[in-house]
C-alpha atoms as a PDB file:
ATOM      1  CA  MET A   1     -14.420  -7.411   3.919  1.00  0.00           C
ATOM      2  CA  THR A   2     -14.060 -11.002   5.015  1.00  0.00           C
ATOM      3  CA  THR A   3     -15.911 -10.816   8.325  1.00  0.00           C
ATOM      4  CA  ALA A   4     -19.304  -9.645   9.459  1.00  0.00           C
ATOM      5  CA  THR A   5     -19.480  -6.389  11.366  1.00  0.00           C
ATOM      6  CA  GLY A   6     -21.691  -5.415  14.247  1.00  0.00           C
ATOM      7  CA  ALA A   7     -23.815  -2.320  14.692  1.00  0.00           C
ATOM      8  CA  GLU A   8     -20.749  -0.124  15.190  1.00  0.00           C
ATOM      9  CA  GLY A   9     -18.811  -1.692  12.321  1.00  0.00           C
ATOM     10  CA  ARG A  10     -16.549  -3.642  14.659  1.00  0.00           C
ATOM     11  CA  ASP A  11     -15.166  -7.028  13.659  1.00  0.00           C
ATOM     12  CA  THR A  12     -17.493  -9.613  15.205  1.00  0.00           C
ATOM     13  CA  ALA A  13     -15.473 -12.641  14.138  1.00  0.00           C
ATOM     14  CA  GLY A  14     -12.837 -12.175  16.821  1.00  0.00           C
ATOM     15  CA  ASP A  15     -11.301  -9.830  19.346  1.00  0.00           C
ATOM     16  CA  GLY A  16      -9.379  -7.742  16.812  1.00  0.00           C
ATOM     17  CA  TYR A  17     -10.231  -4.545  15.009  1.00  0.00           C
ATOM     18  CA  GLY A  18     -12.324  -4.424  11.852  1.00  0.00           C
ATOM     19  CA  PHE A  19     -12.600  -1.989   8.983  1.00  0.00           C
ATOM     20  CA  GLY A  20     -15.288  -0.097  10.862  1.00  0.00           C
ATOM     21  CA  ASP A  21     -12.766   0.781  13.560  1.00  0.00           C
ATOM     22  CA  LEU A  22     -10.341   2.538  11.239  1.00  0.00           C
ATOM     23  CA  ASP A  23     -12.022   5.950  11.293  1.00  0.00           C
ATOM     24  CA  ARG A  24     -11.731   5.980  15.075  1.00  0.00           C
ATOM     25  CA  LEU A  25      -8.111   4.837  14.964  1.00  0.00           C
ATOM     26  CA  MET A  26      -7.312   7.553  12.447  1.00  0.00           C
ATOM     27  CA  GLY A  27      -9.113  10.058  14.656  1.00  0.00           C
ATOM     28  CA  LEU A  28      -6.718   9.294  17.496  1.00  0.00           C
ATOM     29  CA  GLN A  29      -3.915  10.764  15.396  1.00  0.00           C
ATOM     30  CA  THR A  30      -4.305  14.425  16.204  1.00  0.00           C
ATOM     31  CA  GLY A  31      -0.899  15.653  15.063  1.00  0.00           C
ATOM     32  CA  ASP A  32      -0.497  18.427  12.511  1.00  0.00           C
ATOM     33  CA  GLU A  33      -1.234  16.430   9.354  1.00  0.00           C
ATOM     34  CA  LYS A  34      -1.006  18.351   6.087  1.00  0.00           C
ATOM     35  CA  HIS A  35      -1.950  15.493   3.750  1.00  0.00           C
ATOM     36  CA  GLY A  36      -5.324  14.230   4.969  1.00  0.00           C
ATOM     37  CA  PRO A  37      -6.671  13.226   1.519  1.00  0.00           C
ATOM     38  CA  ALA A  38      -3.422  11.380   0.784  1.00  0.00           C
ATOM     39  CA  ALA A  39      -4.172   9.233   3.819  1.00  0.00           C
ATOM     40  CA  THR A  40      -7.899   8.659   3.414  1.00  0.00           C
ATOM     41  CA  SER A  41      -7.554   7.815  -0.283  1.00  0.00           C
ATOM     42  CA  THR A  42      -5.452   4.770   0.603  1.00  0.00           C
ATOM     43  CA  LEU A  43      -7.589   3.409   3.432  1.00  0.00           C
ATOM     44  CA  ASP A  44      -9.628   0.788   1.559  1.00  0.00           C
ATOM     45  CA  ALA A  45      -6.737  -0.583  -0.482  1.00  0.00           C
ATOM     46  CA  LEU A  46      -4.536  -0.841   2.598  1.00  0.00           C
ATOM     47  CA  TRP A  47      -7.225  -2.649   4.560  1.00  0.00           C
ATOM     48  CA  VAL A  48      -7.952  -5.222   1.855  1.00  0.00           C
ATOM     49  CA  LEU A  49      -4.242  -5.896   1.434  1.00  0.00           C
ATOM     50  CA  TYR A  50      -3.509  -6.386   5.129  1.00  0.00           C
ATOM     51  CA  ASP A  51      -6.782  -8.144   5.913  1.00  0.00           C
ATOM     52  CA  ARG A  52      -7.006 -10.538   2.983  1.00  0.00           C
ATOM     53  CA  VAL A  53      -3.924 -10.604   0.771  1.00  0.00           C
ATOM     54  CA  LEU A  54      -0.560  -9.967   2.417  1.00  0.00           C
ATOM     55  CA  ARG A  55       1.097 -12.963   4.024  1.00  0.00           C
ATOM     56  CA  VAL A  56       2.715 -11.092   6.875  1.00  0.00           C
ATOM     57  CA  SER A  57       1.850 -10.626  10.534  1.00  0.00           C
ATOM     58  CA  PRO A  58       3.544  -9.163  13.608  1.00  0.00           C
ATOM     59  CA  ALA A  59       4.944 -12.631  14.304  1.00  0.00           C
ATOM     60  CA  THR A  60       6.438 -12.971  10.799  1.00  0.00           C
ATOM     61  CA  ALA A  61       7.463  -9.360  10.165  1.00  0.00           C
ATOM     62  CA  ASP A  62      11.130 -10.381   9.884  1.00  0.00           C
ATOM     63  CA  ALA A  63      10.668 -13.800   8.287  1.00  0.00           C
ATOM     64  CA  PRO A  64      12.476 -14.237   4.958  1.00  0.00           C
ATOM     65  CA  GLU A  65       9.375 -15.881   3.455  1.00  0.00           C
ATOM     66  CA  ARG A  66       7.036 -12.973   4.277  1.00  0.00           C
ATOM     67  CA  ASP A  67       5.362 -10.810   1.668  1.00  0.00           C
ATOM     68  CA  ARG A  68       6.795  -7.287   1.480  1.00  0.00           C
ATOM     69  CA  PHE A  69       4.641  -4.157   1.415  1.00  0.00           C
ATOM     70  CA  LEU A  70       6.296  -0.835   0.570  1.00  0.00           C
ATOM     71  CA  LEU A  71       4.337   2.374   1.124  1.00  0.00           C
ATOM     72  CA  SER A  72       5.730   4.828  -1.404  1.00  0.00           C
ATOM     73  CA  LYS A  73       2.826   7.254  -0.872  1.00  0.00           C
ATOM     74  CA  GLY A  74       4.248   7.931   2.563  1.00  0.00           C
ATOM     75  CA  HIS A  75       3.501  11.625   2.978  1.00  0.00           C
ATOM     76  CA  GLY A  76       0.037  10.937   4.405  1.00  0.00           C
ATOM     77  CA  PRO A  77       0.551   7.889   6.625  1.00  0.00           C
ATOM     78  CA  MET A  78      -2.422   8.124   9.014  1.00  0.00           C
ATOM     79  CA  ALA A  79      -4.349   5.317   7.297  1.00  0.00           C
ATOM     80  CA  TYR A  80      -1.218   3.165   7.188  1.00  0.00           C
ATOM     81  CA  TYR A  81      -0.614   3.620  10.908  1.00  0.00           C
ATOM     82  CA  ALA A  82      -4.276   2.889  11.672  1.00  0.00           C
ATOM     83  CA  VAL A  83      -4.145  -0.362   9.697  1.00  0.00           C
ATOM     84  CA  LEU A  84      -0.839  -1.378  11.297  1.00  0.00           C
ATOM     85  CA  ALA A  85      -2.375  -0.751  14.720  1.00  0.00           C
ATOM     86  CA  ALA A  86      -5.540  -2.674  13.841  1.00  0.00           C
ATOM     87  CA  LYS A  87      -3.423  -5.637  12.768  1.00  0.00           C
ATOM     88  CA  GLY A  88      -1.189  -5.558  15.846  1.00  0.00           C
ATOM     89  CA  PHE A  89       2.063  -4.314  14.308  1.00  0.00           C
ATOM     90  CA  VAL A  90       2.107  -1.159  16.445  1.00  0.00           C
ATOM     91  CA  PRO A  91       0.320  -0.437  19.736  1.00  0.00           C
ATOM     92  CA  VAL A  92      -2.892   1.547  19.465  1.00  0.00           C
ATOM     93  CA  GLU A  93      -1.506   3.634  22.328  1.00  0.00           C
ATOM     94  CA  TRP A  94       1.084   5.080  19.944  1.00  0.00           C
ATOM     95  CA  LEU A  95      -1.526   6.690  17.692  1.00  0.00           C
ATOM     96  CA  PRO A  96      -2.303   9.826  19.770  1.00  0.00           C
ATOM     97  CA  GLY A  97       1.387  10.730  19.642  1.00  0.00           C
ATOM     98  CA  PHE A  98       1.402  10.889  15.843  1.00  0.00           C
ATOM     99  CA  GLY A  99       3.749  13.600  14.620  1.00  0.00           C
ATOM    100  CA  ALA A 100       5.102  14.463  18.067  1.00  0.00           C
ATOM    101  CA  TYR A 101       8.821  15.078  18.490  1.00  0.00           C
ATOM    102  CA  ASP A 102       9.449  11.868  20.422  1.00  0.00           C
ATOM    103  CA  SER A 103       6.897   9.669  18.624  1.00  0.00           C
ATOM    104  CA  PRO A 104       7.947   6.749  16.405  1.00  0.00           C
ATOM    105  CA  LEU A 105       4.974   7.617  14.174  1.00  0.00           C
ATOM    106  CA  GLY A 106       6.303  10.500  12.137  1.00  0.00           C
ATOM    107  CA  HIS A 107       4.759  12.375   9.240  1.00  0.00           C
ATOM    108  CA  HIS A 108       6.805  10.067   7.018  1.00  0.00           C
ATOM    109  CA  PRO A 109       7.115   6.409   8.089  1.00  0.00           C
ATOM    110  CA  ASP A 110      10.565   5.387   9.311  1.00  0.00           C
ATOM    111  CA  ARG A 111      11.388   1.704   8.927  1.00  0.00           C
ATOM    112  CA  MET A 112      13.785   1.923  11.857  1.00  0.00           C
ATOM    113  CA  LEU A 113      10.998   3.091  14.162  1.00  0.00           C
ATOM    114  CA  VAL A 114       7.735   1.613  12.832  1.00  0.00           C
ATOM    115  CA  PRO A 115       7.333  -2.164  13.206  1.00  0.00           C
ATOM    116  CA  GLY A 116       6.202  -3.674   9.921  1.00  0.00           C
ATOM    117  CA  ALA A 117       7.403  -0.802   7.730  1.00  0.00           C
ATOM    118  CA  GLU A 118       9.724  -2.056   4.993  1.00  0.00           C
ATOM    119  CA  ILE A 119      11.057   1.344   3.874  1.00  0.00           C
ATOM    120  CA  GLY A 120      11.296   4.933   5.015  1.00  0.00           C
ATOM    121  CA  SER A 121       9.108   6.851   2.585  1.00  0.00           C
ATOM    122  CA  GLY A 122       7.474  10.134   1.741  1.00  0.00           C
ATOM    123  CA  SER A 123       9.930  11.482  -0.811  1.00  0.00           C
ATOM    124  CA  LEU A 124       8.007  10.576  -3.937  1.00  0.00           C
ATOM    125  CA  GLY A 125       9.312   8.408  -6.740  1.00  0.00           C
ATOM    126  CA  HIS A 126      11.371   6.007  -4.637  1.00  0.00           C
ATOM    127  CA  GLY A 127       8.996   3.202  -3.672  1.00  0.00           C
ATOM    128  CA  LEU A 128       8.490   1.527  -7.048  1.00  0.00           C
ATOM    129  CA  PRO A 129      12.218   1.395  -7.898  1.00  0.00           C
ATOM    130  CA  LEU A 130      12.878   0.014  -4.406  1.00  0.00           C
ATOM    131  CA  ALA A 131      10.168  -2.599  -4.948  1.00  0.00           C
ATOM    132  CA  VAL A 132      11.815  -3.637  -8.221  1.00  0.00           C
ATOM    133  CA  GLY A 133      15.114  -4.017  -6.392  1.00  0.00           C
ATOM    134  CA  THR A 134      13.432  -5.985  -3.620  1.00  0.00           C
ATOM    135  CA  ALA A 135      11.864  -8.387  -6.117  1.00  0.00           C
ATOM    136  CA  LEU A 136      15.215  -8.831  -7.858  1.00  0.00           C
ATOM    137  CA  GLY A 137      16.964  -9.422  -4.544  1.00  0.00           C
ATOM    138  CA  LEU A 138      14.467 -12.072  -3.486  1.00  0.00           C
ATOM    139  CA  ARG A 139      14.859 -13.800  -6.850  1.00  0.00           C
ATOM    140  CA  ALA A 140      18.646 -13.770  -6.501  1.00  0.00           C
ATOM    141  CA  ARG A 141      18.335 -15.375  -3.054  1.00  0.00           C
ATOM    142  CA  GLY A 142      16.108 -18.124  -4.417  1.00  0.00           C
ATOM    143  CA  LEU A 143      13.056 -16.804  -2.537  1.00  0.00           C
ATOM    144  CA  THR A 144      10.499 -17.106  -5.313  1.00  0.00           C
ATOM    145  CA  ASP A 145       7.347 -17.318  -3.192  1.00  0.00           C
ATOM    146  CA  PRO A 146       7.195 -13.956  -1.348  1.00  0.00           C
ATOM    147  CA  ALA A 147       5.189 -11.282  -3.132  1.00  0.00           C
ATOM    148  CA  VAL A 148       6.334  -7.664  -3.246  1.00  0.00           C
ATOM    149  CA  TRP A 149       3.683  -4.952  -3.089  1.00  0.00           C
ATOM    150  CA  VAL A 150       4.149  -1.208  -3.439  1.00  0.00           C
ATOM    151  CA  LEU A 151       1.497   1.499  -3.130  1.00  0.00           C
ATOM    152  CA  VAL A 152       2.013   4.720  -5.086  1.00  0.00           C
ATOM    153  CA  GLY A 153      -0.076   7.757  -5.970  1.00  0.00           C
ATOM    154  CA  ASP A 154      -1.094   8.779  -9.474  1.00  0.00           C
ATOM    155  CA  ALA A 155       0.756  12.108  -9.265  1.00  0.00           C
ATOM    156  CA  GLU A 156       3.846  10.290  -8.058  1.00  0.00           C
ATOM    157  CA  LEU A 157       4.000   8.582 -11.439  1.00  0.00           C
ATOM    158  CA  ASP A 158       5.097  11.931 -12.880  1.00  0.00           C
ATOM    159  CA  GLU A 159       8.518  11.136 -11.374  1.00  0.00           C
ATOM    160  CA  GLY A 160      10.851   9.726 -14.019  1.00  0.00           C
ATOM    161  CA  SER A 161      12.261   7.078 -11.693  1.00  0.00           C
ATOM    162  CA  ASN A 162       8.924   5.274 -11.828  1.00  0.00           C
ATOM    163  CA  HIS A 163       8.960   5.072 -15.614  1.00  0.00           C
ATOM    164  CA  GLU A 164      12.403   3.488 -15.545  1.00  0.00           C
ATOM    165  CA  ALA A 165      11.170   0.953 -12.984  1.00  0.00           C
ATOM    166  CA  ILE A 166       8.065   0.163 -15.052  1.00  0.00           C
ATOM    167  CA  ALA A 167      10.136  -0.232 -18.218  1.00  0.00           C
ATOM    168  CA  PHE A 168      12.577  -2.596 -16.497  1.00  0.00           C
ATOM    169  CA  ALA A 169      10.190  -4.795 -14.500  1.00  0.00           C
ATOM    170  CA  GLY A 170       8.107  -6.024 -17.439  1.00  0.00           C
ATOM    171  CA  PRO A 171      10.912  -7.420 -19.610  1.00  0.00           C
ATOM    172  CA  ALA A 172      12.587  -8.764 -16.452  1.00  0.00           C
ATOM    173  CA  GLY A 173       9.493 -10.888 -15.817  1.00  0.00           C
ATOM    174  CA  LEU A 174       9.146  -9.836 -12.175  1.00  0.00           C
ATOM    175  CA  ASP A 175       5.871 -11.657 -11.668  1.00  0.00           C
ATOM    176  CA  ARG A 176       6.075 -11.402  -7.861  1.00  0.00           C
ATOM    177  CA  LEU A 177       5.933  -7.606  -8.119  1.00  0.00           C
ATOM    178  CA  HIS A 178       2.622  -5.791  -7.626  1.00  0.00           C
ATOM    179  CA  THR A 179       1.936  -2.059  -7.795  1.00  0.00           C
ATOM    180  CA  VAL A 180      -1.191  -0.413  -6.406  1.00  0.00           C
ATOM    181  CA  VAL A 181      -1.789   3.055  -7.857  1.00  0.00           C
ATOM    182  CA  ILE A 182      -4.209   5.222  -5.887  1.00  0.00           C
ATOM    183  CA  ASP A 183      -5.727   7.392  -8.607  1.00  0.00           C
ATOM    184  CA  ASN A 184      -7.423  10.445  -7.111  1.00  0.00           C
ATOM    185  CA  ALA A 185      -6.911  12.522 -10.266  1.00  0.00           C
ATOM    186  CA  SER A 186      -4.104  14.568  -8.756  1.00  0.00           C
ATOM    187  CA  ALA A 187      -1.511  13.985 -11.489  1.00  0.00           C
ATOM    188  CA  ARG A 188      -0.416  17.028 -13.461  1.00  0.00           C
ATOM    189  CA  TYR A 189       0.255  15.157 -16.709  1.00  0.00           C
ATOM    190  CA  GLY A 190      -2.206  12.924 -18.542  1.00  0.00           C
ATOM    191  CA  ARG A 191      -1.304   9.613 -20.129  1.00  0.00           C
ATOM    192  CA  PRO A 192      -2.767   8.455 -23.451  1.00  0.00           C
ATOM    193  CA  GLY A 193      -5.088   5.577 -22.644  1.00  0.00           C
ATOM    194  CA  GLY A 194      -4.835   6.141 -18.909  1.00  0.00           C
ATOM    195  CA  ILE A 195      -2.533   4.807 -16.216  1.00  0.00           C
ATOM    196  CA  ALA A 196      -3.194   1.124 -16.932  1.00  0.00           C
ATOM    197  CA  ALA A 197      -2.090   1.584 -20.548  1.00  0.00           C
ATOM    198  CA  ARG A 198       1.281   2.905 -19.371  1.00  0.00           C
ATOM    199  CA  PHE A 199       1.929  -0.263 -17.386  1.00  0.00           C
ATOM    200  CA  GLU A 200       0.637  -2.533 -20.143  1.00  0.00           C
ATOM    201  CA  ALA A 201       2.989  -0.880 -22.625  1.00  0.00           C
ATOM    202  CA  GLY A 202       5.831  -1.886 -20.313  1.00  0.00           C
ATOM    203  CA  GLY A 203       4.826  -5.542 -20.320  1.00  0.00           C
ATOM    204  CA  TRP A 204       2.743  -5.510 -17.143  1.00  0.00           C
ATOM    205  CA  SER A 205      -0.664  -6.955 -16.399  1.00  0.00           C
ATOM    206  CA  ALA A 206      -2.962  -4.091 -15.348  1.00  0.00           C
ATOM    207  CA  VAL A 207      -6.541  -3.610 -14.176  1.00  0.00           C
ATOM    208  CA  THR A 208      -8.523  -0.543 -13.093  1.00  0.00           C
ATOM    209  CA  VAL A 209     -11.112  -0.786 -10.300  1.00  0.00           C
ATOM    210  CA  ASP A 210     -13.172   1.274  -7.867  1.00  0.00           C
ATOM    211  CA  GLY A 211     -10.762   2.012  -5.031  1.00  0.00           C
ATOM    212  CA  ARG A 212     -13.548   1.900  -2.427  1.00  0.00           C
ATOM    213  CA  ASP A 213     -15.023  -1.464  -3.493  1.00  0.00           C
ATOM    214  CA  HIS A 214     -13.403  -4.127  -1.323  1.00  0.00           C
ATOM    215  CA  GLU A 215     -14.526  -7.085  -3.408  1.00  0.00           C
ATOM    216  CA  ALA A 216     -13.322  -5.450  -6.625  1.00  0.00           C
ATOM    217  CA  LEU A 217      -9.998  -4.634  -4.983  1.00  0.00           C
ATOM    218  CA  TYR A 218      -9.587  -8.194  -3.726  1.00  0.00           C
ATOM    219  CA  ALA A 219     -10.389  -9.659  -7.142  1.00  0.00           C
ATOM    220  CA  ALA A 220      -7.875  -7.328  -8.784  1.00  0.00           C
ATOM    221  CA  PHE A 221      -5.192  -8.012  -6.176  1.00  0.00           C
ATOM    222  CA  THR A 222      -5.518 -11.775  -6.610  1.00  0.00           C
ATOM    223  CA  ALA A 223      -5.932 -11.905 -10.398  1.00  0.00           C
ATOM    224  CA  PRO A 224      -3.427 -14.269 -12.059  1.00  0.00           C
ATOM    225  CA  HIS A 225      -0.642 -12.653 -14.087  1.00  0.00           C
ATOM    226  CA  PRO A 226       1.834 -15.393 -15.022  1.00  0.00           C
ATOM    227  CA  GLY A 227       5.232 -14.144 -16.108  1.00  0.00           C
ATOM    228  CA  ARG A 228       4.377 -10.463 -15.698  1.00  0.00           C
ATOM    229  CA  PRO A 229       4.323  -7.898 -12.890  1.00  0.00           C
ATOM    230  CA  HIS A 230       0.854  -6.688 -11.989  1.00  0.00           C
ATOM    231  CA  ALA A 231      -0.596  -3.200 -11.505  1.00  0.00           C
ATOM    232  CA  VAL A 232      -3.927  -2.339  -9.903  1.00  0.00           C
ATOM    233  CA  ILE A 233      -5.189   1.185 -10.490  1.00  0.00           C
ATOM    234  CA  ALA A 234      -7.622   2.040  -7.688  1.00  0.00           C
ATOM    235  CA  ARG A 235      -9.731   5.059  -8.574  1.00  0.00           C
ATOM    236  CA  VAL A 236     -11.095   7.159  -5.718  1.00  0.00           C
ATOM    237  CA  ASP A 237     -13.048  10.399  -5.554  1.00  0.00           C
ATOM    238  CA  PRO A 238     -10.579  13.325  -5.764  1.00  0.00           C
ATOM    239  CA  ARG A 239     -12.357  14.901  -2.790  1.00  0.00           C
ATOM    240  CA  SER A 240     -11.779  11.881  -0.551  1.00  0.00           C
END
């Protein structure tokens, strides 16, 4: 975290919400959520990204020069919605309506309804290929500064579309592309050498860290990787 927190874990550096508020914000979402661990496993990585790394805000959510964040692990979006609310993209008052028929906060994020969401997601295997296309599109438009980030799950990497995206992005030199893999040991198939080795074999830079350690996450997210896309494998307890 970048700011001190008070006795209740609230951000004391300003009037906004801090990391300590996220449990309460998630608790406001009382809809019928079937993927609780999918949400809680992403909480720390999402917070570090939005608090310290991503160059995007509610005021710049449509700016061409903004960083793009794509949530591919969209089937458990409670943490994502909590972070978006904490950062002012969506009103906190929307959270109790999570999953309701007339709520913009559905069980899968909808980019047409959720301010700040770059894609509609939840059907696994789509986010990383879309991120590759986004990075290519920005390059074609001459926008070489914006970073593209995508968050996927370890089991999602069983989808073949991800392997095609990994194999393409390395040789294409998409060095503005970043993939965060939340590894909660839910994948059915093992990979020789682990997840990082799969990315490295495709020409990526890759690092594996504790997915609950904010300083380790920040260091991994900001590590230099000239000429190569970058993958951060964030390991979390399978029970969390």
